[in-house]
Every structure is written in structure tokens, then in C-alpha cells.
Amino acid sequence: MNRRTARNQRDTARQLQTLAELGALPPAELAVSQLEPVFEIAAHPANAEVQLQAAVLLSDAYPTLAPNDPEFAQRTHAVLLRDLLQPRKALAHPSCSWLVLTHLRAENLAHIPWRSAEEVANAAECFYGICDAGVTSDDSQLRVRDLVKYAGARFADQQNWEELFHLLARVQLPADLMDADLFRLRSLLVLFEQRRVQRMRRLLLLVMVAVTTFIVGASPLLFMLTENGYRSAQGQPPLGFFGALYWSIITAMTVGYGEIVPHTAHGRLLAVFDSLLGITVMGVVAGLILSHVTPRQLP
């Protein structure tokens, strides 16, 4: 057993002992100051089991202490909010799930610093997973709607449109749960997607122009430069521009009749590069043609 494992076991035993001693006391006899070690343990749990015990203890003490101590209520919320960001089995416990569903309402969910759509999706799975604790599926769906709405608003404020797109695509909501805020987020996302497509089309046009210029201009000149020296040494007539242009186009189209072939290493590398460019261009052109002949559907 290495030192790290031994230290972790000692920390686990120490934290579990502290939680067990405090958990043995009735919640009515606990003072907020006595629960300070619990918050420290919840902030740095040795493992998931310790995290579960800390969250359960705070949840059990919440009904007694929170009404008279707003700071305790806020700190307890913070513990469970962290669990929503990185869901653990603590939230599946009845005490914790009751606190989440009863007290972590929209005004609290709005302040979670979501970083990715995956975190929001995990939190949504948490809400669906604890719907057995005396909560209907409709209420769970309302909580998920609030999650999506406030997390989406945060992503929109940060202009993190990719995460917003992944969020709305990953966490599906019934049409009857859509409200004005969600429709606004969806409209913003549609505008972003249209602008993104326009930027990609302009970039694609520039790439197509550059590839075409290379195939019909630079590639023939490079082929003449790399091959005419070899051809002269072999007593063959040098290639002219139109002969090199013919070779460049045929190579880019991956036809390869074989009348003109590269003999030098640089010429063969140029042939490989021309072929890759030609395959790419033909694939893009085929996709563009298909998009114009396929019937469009309204979203």
C-alpha cells in the first residue's frame, strides 16, 4: 500500500467519524457552528461515500436551521449546486432530493456557473432520477425546463453559441413547456446558425478559388519545373504549359490516362497533392449540387 492510498484511507475514516458523531445528534440539538466541519468535508470529500454522508447531514439539518440562518441555507444550497455540476449519488438520497426539489428553484438555478452543455444534461438526468421522491414527472420536467432556460441564458450572455446549440439539441423539451424565454433562445440560436453557415460558405468559396487557381496555374508551372529537367536529360521534348495543364487537370480528376507521368520525387509528390485537392473539390461540388436539388424543409 503506497503512502497516497494510506493517507486517503485515514482521511476517509476521519471524515466519516466526524459525520457519524454529528449525525447521531438530533437535528434540533445541532447548532450551525457545530456543522462547520461538515461544510469543510463537503468542500473536500475523501470519496463519494463521504460526499453522500455530508450532503445527507446538511439536508437533514436544513428544515431546523435554515429558517433562522439564511447563511446556512445559502451554504447548503451551494453544496448541492456543486453536486448538480458534477452529479454524485448524494442527490439520489431522499433527504437531498427533497431539498433540491423543494428549495433549489429557479432563483437558485439561475446562479449556477454552468460551463458546458454536458453539465446541464447531467443535472437534467439528476432531476429525472429523483422524481420518485414524491414528485411527479411533470414537476421534474418543469425543473429541467428551468435548468435549460437559465443555463441557455448564461451561454447566450457569454455568446457561447456552440454550447447553447449542444444544450438545446441534447436536452429535448416537450412543445407545451416552451415559454417566451426558450423561444427567444431558440431564435438567437437560429440567427447564429445562419450567420455561421454564411461565414462557412464565404470561406468555402475562397478555398475553392484558391484550389482552382493552384490546379490551373501553379500546379502546371511546378510540374514543368520539376519534370522538364528530367525529360531533357532523357532526350525527351520538354513539356509546354498546356501539356502540364492537361496533366494537372487529369490528375486532379483522378482519371490518369498515363500519357504524361511524373518521374521525379517532387513531381510524384505534386501528383499526390493534386489528386487530394481534386477529390476534395469534387466532393464539395457534389454536396453543393445535392443541396440545391433536395427539397428544403422548414425547421
C-alpha atoms as a PDB file:
ATOM      1  CA  MET A   1       0.000   0.000   0.000  1.00  0.00           C
ATOM      2  CA  ASN A   2       1.518   3.322  -1.058  1.00  0.00           C
ATOM      3  CA  ARG A   3       1.504   6.469   1.017  1.00  0.00           C
ATOM      4  CA  ARG A   4      -1.222   8.162  -1.014  1.00  0.00           C
ATOM      5  CA  THR A   5      -3.638   5.270  -0.545  1.00  0.00           C
ATOM      6  CA  ALA A   6      -2.909   5.072   3.160  1.00  0.00           C
ATOM      7  CA  ARG A   7      -3.422   8.820   3.589  1.00  0.00           C
ATOM      8  CA  ASN A   8      -6.701   8.667   1.676  1.00  0.00           C
ATOM      9  CA  GLN A   9      -7.945   5.872   3.915  1.00  0.00           C
ATOM     10  CA  ARG A  10      -7.033   7.859   7.013  1.00  0.00           C
ATOM     11  CA  ASP A  11      -8.828  10.950   5.662  1.00  0.00           C
ATOM     12  CA  THR A  12     -11.880   8.867   4.811  1.00  0.00           C
ATOM     13  CA  ALA A  13     -12.026   7.310   8.268  1.00  0.00           C
ATOM     14  CA  ARG A  14     -11.548  10.667   9.979  1.00  0.00           C
ATOM     15  CA  GLN A  15     -14.243  12.391   7.897  1.00  0.00           C
ATOM     16  CA  LEU A  16     -16.727   9.537   8.333  1.00  0.00           C
ATOM     17  CA  GLN A  17     -16.152   9.537  12.085  1.00  0.00           C
ATOM     18  CA  THR A  18     -16.813  13.289  12.278  1.00  0.00           C
ATOM     19  CA  LEU A  19     -20.006  12.929  10.248  1.00  0.00           C
ATOM     20  CA  ALA A  20     -21.175   9.940  12.304  1.00  0.00           C
ATOM     21  CA  GLU A  21     -20.703  11.831  15.586  1.00  0.00           C
ATOM     22  CA  LEU A  22     -22.687  14.819  14.331  1.00  0.00           C
ATOM     23  CA  GLY A  23     -25.301  12.649  12.652  1.00  0.00           C
ATOM     24  CA  ALA A  24     -26.014  10.883  15.934  1.00  0.00           C
ATOM     25  CA  LEU A  25     -27.313  14.149  17.396  1.00  0.00           C
ATOM     26  CA  PRO A  26     -30.945  15.117  16.753  1.00  0.00           C
ATOM     27  CA  PRO A  27     -31.184  17.969  14.225  1.00  0.00           C
ATOM     28  CA  ALA A  28     -32.991  20.128  16.819  1.00  0.00           C
ATOM     29  CA  GLU A  29     -29.927  19.970  19.085  1.00  0.00           C
ATOM     30  CA  LEU A  30     -27.429  20.940  16.400  1.00  0.00           C
ATOM     31  CA  ALA A  31     -26.042  24.447  16.130  1.00  0.00           C
ATOM     32  CA  VAL A  32     -24.766  25.994  12.941  1.00  0.00           C
ATOM     33  CA  SER A  33     -21.284  26.310  14.415  1.00  0.00           C
ATOM     34  CA  GLN A  34     -21.203  22.552  15.021  1.00  0.00           C
ATOM     35  CA  LEU A  35     -21.792  21.932  11.297  1.00  0.00           C
ATOM     36  CA  GLU A  36     -18.770  23.936  10.172  1.00  0.00           C
ATOM     37  CA  PRO A  37     -16.663  20.716   9.847  1.00  0.00           C
ATOM     38  CA  VAL A  38     -19.421  19.286   7.629  1.00  0.00           C
ATOM     39  CA  PHE A  39     -19.075  22.150   5.154  1.00  0.00           C
ATOM     40  CA  GLU A  40     -15.312  21.653   5.121  1.00  0.00           C
ATOM     41  CA  ILE A  41     -15.761  17.940   4.442  1.00  0.00           C
ATOM     42  CA  ALA A  42     -18.323  18.644   1.712  1.00  0.00           C
ATOM     43  CA  ALA A  43     -15.847  21.001   0.063  1.00  0.00           C
ATOM     44  CA  HIS A  44     -13.061  18.381   0.106  1.00  0.00           C
ATOM     45  CA  PRO A  45     -14.601  14.897   0.459  1.00  0.00           C
ATOM     46  CA  ALA A  46     -12.254  11.934   0.505  1.00  0.00           C
ATOM     47  CA  ASN A  47     -14.609   9.938  -1.731  1.00  0.00           C
ATOM     48  CA  ALA A  48     -18.186   9.749  -2.978  1.00  0.00           C
ATOM     49  CA  GLU A  49     -19.422   7.994   0.183  1.00  0.00           C
ATOM     50  CA  VAL A  50     -18.161  10.869   2.341  1.00  0.00           C
ATOM     51  CA  GLN A  51     -19.803  13.348  -0.012  1.00  0.00           C
ATOM     52  CA  LEU A  52     -23.081  11.474   0.338  1.00  0.00           C
ATOM     53  CA  GLN A  53     -22.960  11.495   4.134  1.00  0.00           C
ATOM     54  CA  ALA A  54     -22.094  15.215   4.267  1.00  0.00           C
ATOM     55  CA  ALA A  55     -24.914  16.157   1.895  1.00  0.00           C
ATOM     56  CA  VAL A  56     -27.421  13.996   3.805  1.00  0.00           C
ATOM     57  CA  LEU A  57     -26.430  15.512   7.145  1.00  0.00           C
ATOM     58  CA  LEU A  58     -26.811  19.066   5.837  1.00  0.00           C
ATOM     59  CA  SER A  59     -30.154  18.185   4.240  1.00  0.00           C
ATOM     60  CA  ASP A  60     -31.466  16.671   7.465  1.00  0.00           C
ATOM     61  CA  ALA A  61     -30.470  19.776   9.419  1.00  0.00           C
ATOM     62  CA  TYR A  62     -31.870  22.166   6.821  1.00  0.00           C
ATOM     63  CA  PRO A  63     -35.547  22.313   7.949  1.00  0.00           C
ATOM     64  CA  THR A  64     -34.488  23.163  11.521  1.00  0.00           C
ATOM     65  CA  LEU A  65     -31.615  25.585  10.955  1.00  0.00           C
ATOM     66  CA  ALA A  66     -32.286  27.263   7.602  1.00  0.00           C
ATOM     67  CA  PRO A  67     -35.372  29.338   8.622  1.00  0.00           C
ATOM     68  CA  ASN A  68     -33.334  31.163  11.275  1.00  0.00           C
ATOM     69  CA  ASP A  69     -29.987  31.287   9.453  1.00  0.00           C
ATOM     70  CA  PRO A  70     -30.034  32.400   5.785  1.00  0.00           C
ATOM     71  CA  GLU A  71     -26.268  31.932   5.538  1.00  0.00           C
ATOM     72  CA  PHE A  72     -26.588  28.271   6.464  1.00  0.00           C
ATOM     73  CA  ALA A  73     -29.322  27.861   3.843  1.00  0.00           C
ATOM     74  CA  GLN A  74     -27.150  29.509   1.195  1.00  0.00           C
ATOM     75  CA  ARG A  75     -24.113  27.379   2.023  1.00  0.00           C
ATOM     76  CA  THR A  76     -26.215  24.208   1.966  1.00  0.00           C
ATOM     77  CA  HIS A  77     -27.563  25.211  -1.424  1.00  0.00           C
ATOM     78  CA  ALA A  78     -24.002  25.700  -2.640  1.00  0.00           C
ATOM     79  CA  VAL A  79     -23.097  22.135  -1.653  1.00  0.00           C
ATOM     80  CA  LEU A  80     -25.963  20.661  -3.661  1.00  0.00           C
ATOM     81  CA  LEU A  81     -25.355  23.022  -6.580  1.00  0.00           C
ATOM     82  CA  ARG A  82     -21.849  21.603  -6.835  1.00  0.00           C
ATOM     83  CA  ASP A  83     -23.385  18.147  -6.923  1.00  0.00           C
ATOM     84  CA  LEU A  84     -25.575  19.261  -9.812  1.00  0.00           C
ATOM     85  CA  LEU A  85     -22.459  20.361 -11.692  1.00  0.00           C
ATOM     86  CA  GLN A  86     -20.811  17.001 -11.024  1.00  0.00           C
ATOM     87  CA  PRO A  87     -23.677  14.663 -10.115  1.00  0.00           C
ATOM     88  CA  ARG A  88     -22.943  12.075  -7.494  1.00  0.00           C
ATOM     89  CA  LYS A  89     -25.152   9.564  -5.748  1.00  0.00           C
ATOM     90  CA  ALA A  90     -25.711  12.091  -2.946  1.00  0.00           C
ATOM     91  CA  LEU A  91     -28.577  13.622  -4.888  1.00  0.00           C
ATOM     92  CA  ALA A  92     -30.350  10.258  -5.116  1.00  0.00           C
ATOM     93  CA  HIS A  93     -30.779  10.174  -1.336  1.00  0.00           C
ATOM     94  CA  PRO A  94     -34.348  11.122  -0.267  1.00  0.00           C
ATOM     95  CA  SER A  95     -33.180  13.914   2.070  1.00  0.00           C
ATOM     96  CA  CYS A  96     -31.029  15.534  -0.611  1.00  0.00           C
ATOM     97  CA  SER A  97     -33.578  15.096  -3.362  1.00  0.00           C
ATOM     98  CA  TRP A  98     -36.249  16.672  -1.176  1.00  0.00           C
ATOM     99  CA  LEU A  99     -34.042  19.702  -0.592  1.00  0.00           C
ATOM    100  CA  VAL A 100     -33.178  20.004  -4.269  1.00  0.00           C
ATOM    101  CA  LEU A 101     -36.779  19.824  -5.430  1.00  0.00           C
ATOM    102  CA  THR A 102     -38.170  21.981  -2.632  1.00  0.00           C
ATOM    103  CA  HIS A 103     -35.631  24.755  -2.322  1.00  0.00           C
ATOM    104  CA  LEU A 104     -33.439  24.848  -5.429  1.00  0.00           C
ATOM    105  CA  ARG A 105     -35.973  26.690  -7.511  1.00  0.00           C
ATOM    106  CA  ALA A 106     -35.495  28.970 -10.485  1.00  0.00           C
ATOM    107  CA  GLU A 107     -33.975  31.813  -8.466  1.00  0.00           C
ATOM    108  CA  ASN A 108     -31.201  29.460  -7.332  1.00  0.00           C
ATOM    109  CA  LEU A 109     -30.715  27.626 -10.615  1.00  0.00           C
ATOM    110  CA  ALA A 110     -30.137  30.967 -12.322  1.00  0.00           C
ATOM    111  CA  HIS A 111     -26.871  31.428 -10.421  1.00  0.00           C
ATOM    112  CA  ILE A 112     -25.192  28.128 -11.239  1.00  0.00           C
ATOM    113  CA  PRO A 113     -21.976  28.837 -13.216  1.00  0.00           C
ATOM    114  CA  TRP A 114     -22.584  26.293 -15.967  1.00  0.00           C
ATOM    115  CA  ARG A 115     -19.523  25.647 -18.112  1.00  0.00           C
ATOM    116  CA  SER A 116     -20.806  23.162 -20.681  1.00  0.00           C
ATOM    117  CA  ALA A 117     -23.961  21.616 -22.091  1.00  0.00           C
ATOM    118  CA  GLU A 118     -22.850  18.249 -20.713  1.00  0.00           C
ATOM    119  CA  GLU A 119     -23.047  19.586 -17.149  1.00  0.00           C
ATOM    120  CA  VAL A 120     -26.605  20.789 -17.734  1.00  0.00           C
ATOM    121  CA  ALA A 121     -27.584  17.464 -19.295  1.00  0.00           C
ATOM    122  CA  ASN A 122     -26.180  15.612 -16.263  1.00  0.00           C
ATOM    123  CA  ALA A 123     -28.173  17.877 -13.947  1.00  0.00           C
ATOM    124  CA  ALA A 124     -31.306  17.210 -16.009  1.00  0.00           C
ATOM    125  CA  GLU A 125     -30.730  13.479 -15.578  1.00  0.00           C
ATOM    126  CA  CYS A 126     -30.440  14.149 -11.836  1.00  0.00           C
ATOM    127  CA  PHE A 127     -33.872  15.763 -11.756  1.00  0.00           C
ATOM    128  CA  TYR A 128     -35.397  12.934 -13.763  1.00  0.00           C
ATOM    129  CA  GLY A 129     -33.656  10.427 -11.487  1.00  0.00           C
ATOM    130  CA  ILE A 130     -35.096  11.833  -8.254  1.00  0.00           C
ATOM    131  CA  CYS A 131     -38.677  12.142  -9.457  1.00  0.00           C
ATOM    132  CA  ASP A 132     -39.566   9.084  -7.337  1.00  0.00           C
ATOM    133  CA  ALA A 133     -39.224  11.108  -4.128  1.00  0.00           C
ATOM    134  CA  GLY A 134     -42.876  12.093  -4.081  1.00  0.00           C
ATOM    135  CA  VAL A 135     -42.502  14.298  -7.139  1.00  0.00           C
ATOM    136  CA  THR A 136     -44.470  13.925 -10.337  1.00  0.00           C
ATOM    137  CA  SER A 137     -42.840  13.652 -13.734  1.00  0.00           C
ATOM    138  CA  ASP A 138     -44.489  16.959 -14.686  1.00  0.00           C
ATOM    139  CA  ASP A 139     -42.687  18.727 -11.844  1.00  0.00           C
ATOM    140  CA  SER A 140     -39.400  17.142 -12.890  1.00  0.00           C
ATOM    141  CA  GLN A 141     -39.939  18.360 -16.436  1.00  0.00           C
ATOM    142  CA  LEU A 142     -40.588  21.877 -15.141  1.00  0.00           C
ATOM    143  CA  ARG A 143     -37.279  21.744 -13.247  1.00  0.00           C
ATOM    144  CA  VAL A 144     -35.495  20.555 -16.363  1.00  0.00           C
ATOM    145  CA  ARG A 145     -37.099  23.396 -18.304  1.00  0.00           C
ATOM    146  CA  ASP A 146     -35.765  25.877 -15.741  1.00  0.00           C
ATOM    147  CA  LEU A 147     -32.333  24.270 -15.972  1.00  0.00           C
ATOM    148  CA  VAL A 148     -32.270  24.596 -19.750  1.00  0.00           C
ATOM    149  CA  LYS A 149     -33.663  28.126 -19.703  1.00  0.00           C
ATOM    150  CA  TYR A 150     -31.226  29.597 -17.200  1.00  0.00           C
ATOM    151  CA  ALA A 151     -28.212  27.659 -18.433  1.00  0.00           C
ATOM    152  CA  GLY A 152     -29.081  28.676 -22.004  1.00  0.00           C
ATOM    153  CA  ALA A 153     -29.411  32.312 -20.942  1.00  0.00           C
ATOM    154  CA  ARG A 154     -25.962  32.132 -19.346  1.00  0.00           C
ATOM    155  CA  PHE A 155     -24.465  30.648 -22.527  1.00  0.00           C
ATOM    156  CA  ALA A 156     -26.196  33.335 -24.616  1.00  0.00           C
ATOM    157  CA  ASP A 157     -24.863  36.121 -22.375  1.00  0.00           C
ATOM    158  CA  GLN A 158     -21.377  34.664 -22.808  1.00  0.00           C
ATOM    159  CA  GLN A 159     -22.018  34.294 -26.571  1.00  0.00           C
ATOM    160  CA  ASN A 160     -21.107  30.637 -26.201  1.00  0.00           C
ATOM    161  CA  TRP A 161     -23.347  29.624 -29.071  1.00  0.00           C
ATOM    162  CA  GLU A 162     -21.828  26.194 -29.611  1.00  0.00           C
ATOM    163  CA  GLU A 163     -22.677  25.100 -26.062  1.00  0.00           C
ATOM    164  CA  LEU A 164     -26.166  26.583 -26.417  1.00  0.00           C
ATOM    165  CA  PHE A 165     -26.661  24.590 -29.627  1.00  0.00           C
ATOM    166  CA  HIS A 166     -25.490  21.367 -27.955  1.00  0.00           C
ATOM    167  CA  LEU A 167     -27.719  22.091 -24.950  1.00  0.00           C
ATOM    168  CA  LEU A 168     -30.935  22.554 -26.927  1.00  0.00           C
ATOM    169  CA  ALA A 169     -30.079  19.584 -29.131  1.00  0.00           C
ATOM    170  CA  ARG A 170     -29.220  17.291 -26.225  1.00  0.00           C
ATOM    171  CA  VAL A 171     -31.929  18.144 -23.676  1.00  0.00           C
ATOM    172  CA  GLN A 172     -35.233  17.863 -25.508  1.00  0.00           C
ATOM    173  CA  LEU A 173     -38.292  19.603 -24.072  1.00  0.00           C
ATOM    174  CA  PRO A 174     -41.949  18.994 -24.947  1.00  0.00           C
ATOM    175  CA  ALA A 175     -43.514  21.740 -27.060  1.00  0.00           C
ATOM    176  CA  ASP A 176     -46.034  22.622 -24.349  1.00  0.00           C
ATOM    177  CA  LEU A 177     -43.184  23.510 -21.938  1.00  0.00           C
ATOM    178  CA  MET A 178     -41.625  26.059 -24.265  1.00  0.00           C
ATOM    179  CA  ASP A 179     -42.060  29.610 -22.963  1.00  0.00           C
ATOM    180  CA  ALA A 180     -41.066  33.044 -24.282  1.00  0.00           C
ATOM    181  CA  ASP A 181     -37.533  32.834 -22.887  1.00  0.00           C
ATOM    182  CA  LEU A 182     -36.858  29.483 -24.534  1.00  0.00           C
ATOM    183  CA  PHE A 183     -38.316  30.672 -27.842  1.00  0.00           C
ATOM    184  CA  ARG A 184     -36.034  33.711 -27.624  1.00  0.00           C
ATOM    185  CA  LEU A 185     -33.007  31.467 -27.066  1.00  0.00           C
ATOM    186  CA  ARG A 186     -34.049  29.313 -29.997  1.00  0.00           C
ATOM    187  CA  SER A 187     -34.411  32.386 -32.234  1.00  0.00           C
ATOM    188  CA  LEU A 188     -30.973  33.633 -31.199  1.00  0.00           C
ATOM    189  CA  LEU A 189     -29.545  30.229 -31.992  1.00  0.00           C
ATOM    190  CA  VAL A 190     -31.197  30.165 -35.419  1.00  0.00           C
ATOM    191  CA  LEU A 191     -29.660  33.554 -36.211  1.00  0.00           C
ATOM    192  CA  PHE A 192     -26.261  32.343 -35.035  1.00  0.00           C
ATOM    193  CA  GLU A 193     -26.541  29.220 -37.185  1.00  0.00           C
ATOM    194  CA  GLN A 194     -27.485  31.256 -40.255  1.00  0.00           C
ATOM    195  CA  ARG A 195     -24.506  33.553 -39.737  1.00  0.00           C
ATOM    196  CA  ARG A 196     -22.210  30.579 -39.174  1.00  0.00           C
ATOM    197  CA  VAL A 197     -23.364  28.981 -42.417  1.00  0.00           C
ATOM    198  CA  GLN A 198     -22.827  32.252 -44.288  1.00  0.00           C
ATOM    199  CA  ARG A 199     -19.289  32.505 -42.923  1.00  0.00           C
ATOM    200  CA  MET A 200     -18.578  28.906 -43.879  1.00  0.00           C
ATOM    201  CA  ARG A 201     -19.924  29.492 -47.383  1.00  0.00           C
ATOM    202  CA  ARG A 202     -17.656  32.509 -47.854  1.00  0.00           C
ATOM    203  CA  LEU A 203     -14.701  30.526 -46.544  1.00  0.00           C
ATOM    204  CA  LEU A 204     -15.584  27.627 -48.822  1.00  0.00           C
ATOM    205  CA  LEU A 205     -15.759  29.962 -51.823  1.00  0.00           C
ATOM    206  CA  LEU A 206     -12.301  31.323 -51.029  1.00  0.00           C
ATOM    207  CA  VAL A 207     -10.927  27.787 -50.682  1.00  0.00           C
ATOM    208  CA  MET A 208     -12.491  26.749 -53.994  1.00  0.00           C
ATOM    209  CA  VAL A 209     -10.974  29.768 -55.759  1.00  0.00           C
ATOM    210  CA  ALA A 210      -7.566  29.034 -54.224  1.00  0.00           C
ATOM    211  CA  VAL A 211      -7.711  25.329 -55.183  1.00  0.00           C
ATOM    212  CA  THR A 212      -8.814  26.099 -58.744  1.00  0.00           C
ATOM    213  CA  THR A 213      -6.053  28.696 -59.108  1.00  0.00           C
ATOM    214  CA  PHE A 214      -3.498  26.182 -57.912  1.00  0.00           C
ATOM    215  CA  ILE A 215      -4.676  23.407 -60.245  1.00  0.00           C
ATOM    216  CA  VAL A 216      -4.837  25.533 -63.401  1.00  0.00           C
ATOM    217  CA  GLY A 217      -1.983  27.930 -62.608  1.00  0.00           C
ATOM    218  CA  ALA A 218       0.592  26.945 -60.040  1.00  0.00           C
ATOM    219  CA  SER A 219       0.485  23.170 -60.499  1.00  0.00           C
ATOM    220  CA  PRO A 220       1.351  23.197 -64.256  1.00  0.00           C
ATOM    221  CA  LEU A 221       4.249  25.578 -63.634  1.00  0.00           C
ATOM    222  CA  LEU A 222       5.570  23.438 -60.772  1.00  0.00           C
ATOM    223  CA  PHE A 223       5.212  20.278 -62.867  1.00  0.00           C
ATOM    224  CA  MET A 224       7.200  21.852 -65.691  1.00  0.00           C
ATOM    225  CA  LEU A 225       9.861  22.985 -63.218  1.00  0.00           C
ATOM    226  CA  THR A 226      10.263  19.548 -61.627  1.00  0.00           C
ATOM    227  CA  GLU A 227       9.920  17.339 -64.740  1.00  0.00           C
ATOM    228  CA  ASN A 228      11.446  19.216 -67.686  1.00  0.00           C
ATOM    229  CA  GLY A 229      14.974  18.783 -66.354  1.00  0.00           C
ATOM    230  CA  TYR A 230      14.469  15.009 -66.213  1.00  0.00           C
ATOM    231  CA  ARG A 231      12.867  14.922 -69.647  1.00  0.00           C
ATOM    232  CA  SER A 232      15.734  16.880 -71.194  1.00  0.00           C
ATOM    233  CA  ALA A 233      18.270  14.507 -69.626  1.00  0.00           C
ATOM    234  CA  GLN A 234      16.394  11.560 -71.136  1.00  0.00           C
ATOM    235  CA  GLY A 235      16.241  13.162 -74.572  1.00  0.00           C
ATOM    236  CA  GLN A 236      12.500  13.789 -74.377  1.00  0.00           C
ATOM    237  CA  PRO A 237      10.923  17.061 -75.512  1.00  0.00           C
ATOM    238  CA  PRO A 238      10.106  19.444 -72.659  1.00  0.00           C
ATOM    239  CA  LEU A 239       6.516  19.933 -71.651  1.00  0.00           C
ATOM    240  CA  GLY A 240       4.785  23.176 -72.530  1.00  0.00           C
ATOM    241  CA  PHE A 241       2.279  24.926 -70.294  1.00  0.00           C
ATOM    242  CA  PHE A 242      -0.789  23.419 -71.947  1.00  0.00           C
ATOM    243  CA  GLY A 243       0.639  19.918 -71.701  1.00  0.00           C
ATOM    244  CA  ALA A 244       1.356  20.475 -67.999  1.00  0.00           C
ATOM    245  CA  LEU A 245      -2.125  21.995 -67.553  1.00  0.00           C
ATOM    246  CA  TYR A 246      -3.638  18.897 -69.181  1.00  0.00           C
ATOM    247  CA  TRP A 247      -1.679  16.681 -66.770  1.00  0.00           C
ATOM    248  CA  SER A 248      -2.718  18.787 -63.753  1.00  0.00           C
ATOM    249  CA  ILE A 249      -6.441  18.659 -64.575  1.00  0.00           C
ATOM    250  CA  ILE A 250      -6.438  14.940 -65.411  1.00  0.00           C
ATOM    251  CA  THR A 251      -4.554  14.183 -62.191  1.00  0.00           C
ATOM    252  CA  ALA A 252      -6.896  16.339 -60.099  1.00  0.00           C
ATOM    253  CA  MET A 253      -9.859  14.500 -61.613  1.00  0.00           C
ATOM    254  CA  THR A 254      -8.121  11.195 -60.696  1.00  0.00           C
ATOM    255  CA  VAL A 255      -8.525   9.974 -64.285  1.00  0.00           C
ATOM    256  CA  GLY A 256      -4.854   9.371 -65.014  1.00  0.00           C
ATOM    257  CA  TYR A 257      -4.698   8.301 -68.676  1.00  0.00           C
ATOM    258  CA  GLY A 258      -0.960   7.778 -68.411  1.00  0.00           C
ATOM    259  CA  GLU A 259       0.247   9.785 -71.427  1.00  0.00           C
ATOM    260  CA  ILE A 260       2.168  12.098 -69.105  1.00  0.00           C
ATOM    261  CA  VAL A 261       3.560  10.736 -65.845  1.00  0.00           C
ATOM    262  CA  PRO A 262       5.912  12.231 -63.241  1.00  0.00           C
ATOM    263  CA  HIS A 263       9.359  10.667 -62.868  1.00  0.00           C
ATOM    264  CA  THR A 264      10.972  12.801 -60.156  1.00  0.00           C
ATOM    265  CA  ALA A 265      10.207  12.580 -56.442  1.00  0.00           C
ATOM    266  CA  HIS A 266       8.951  16.167 -56.381  1.00  0.00           C
ATOM    267  CA  GLY A 267       6.745  15.531 -59.393  1.00  0.00           C
ATOM    268  CA  ARG A 268       5.179  12.498 -57.744  1.00  0.00           C
ATOM    269  CA  LEU A 269       4.524  14.427 -54.543  1.00  0.00           C
ATOM    270  CA  LEU A 270       2.854  17.111 -56.663  1.00  0.00           C
ATOM    271  CA  ALA A 271       0.697  14.423 -58.303  1.00  0.00           C
ATOM    272  CA  VAL A 272      -0.426  13.128 -54.891  1.00  0.00           C
ATOM    273  CA  PHE A 273      -1.244  16.665 -53.742  1.00  0.00           C
ATOM    274  CA  ASP A 274      -3.201  17.403 -56.935  1.00  0.00           C
ATOM    275  CA  SER A 275      -5.187  14.194 -56.513  1.00  0.00           C
ATOM    276  CA  LEU A 276      -6.128  15.017 -52.913  1.00  0.00           C
ATOM    277  CA  LEU A 277      -7.216  18.518 -53.907  1.00  0.00           C
ATOM    278  CA  GLY A 278      -9.257  17.152 -56.802  1.00  0.00           C
ATOM    279  CA  ILE A 279     -11.047  14.600 -54.622  1.00  0.00           C
ATOM    280  CA  THR A 280     -11.881  17.320 -52.097  1.00  0.00           C
ATOM    281  CA  VAL A 281     -13.192  19.727 -54.731  1.00  0.00           C
ATOM    282  CA  MET A 282     -15.344  17.111 -56.430  1.00  0.00           C
ATOM    283  CA  GLY A 283     -16.831  16.068 -53.087  1.00  0.00           C
ATOM    284  CA  VAL A 284     -17.684  19.667 -52.213  1.00  0.00           C
ATOM    285  CA  VAL A 285     -19.188  20.335 -55.641  1.00  0.00           C
ATOM    286  CA  ALA A 286     -21.290  17.157 -55.420  1.00  0.00           C
ATOM    287  CA  GLY A 287     -22.540  18.212 -51.975  1.00  0.00           C
ATOM    288  CA  LEU A 288     -23.470  21.682 -53.226  1.00  0.00           C
ATOM    289  CA  ILE A 289     -25.368  20.265 -56.192  1.00  0.00           C
ATOM    290  CA  LEU A 290     -27.213  17.822 -53.935  1.00  0.00           C
ATOM    291  CA  SER A 291     -28.185  20.598 -51.507  1.00  0.00           C
ATOM    292  CA  HIS A 292     -29.727  22.627 -54.350  1.00  0.00           C
ATOM    293  CA  VAL A 293     -31.769  19.760 -55.815  1.00  0.00           C
ATOM    294  CA  THR A 294     -33.017  18.411 -52.429  1.00  0.00           C
ATOM    295  CA  PRO A 295     -36.362  19.865 -51.253  1.00  0.00           C
ATOM    296  CA  ARG A 296     -35.955  22.139 -48.239  1.00  0.00           C
ATOM    297  CA  GLN A 297     -37.966  21.722 -45.035  1.00  0.00           C
ATOM    298  CA  LEU A 298     -38.948  24.383 -42.583  1.00  0.00           C
ATOM    299  CA  PRO A 299     -37.493  23.803 -39.046  1.00  0.00           C
END
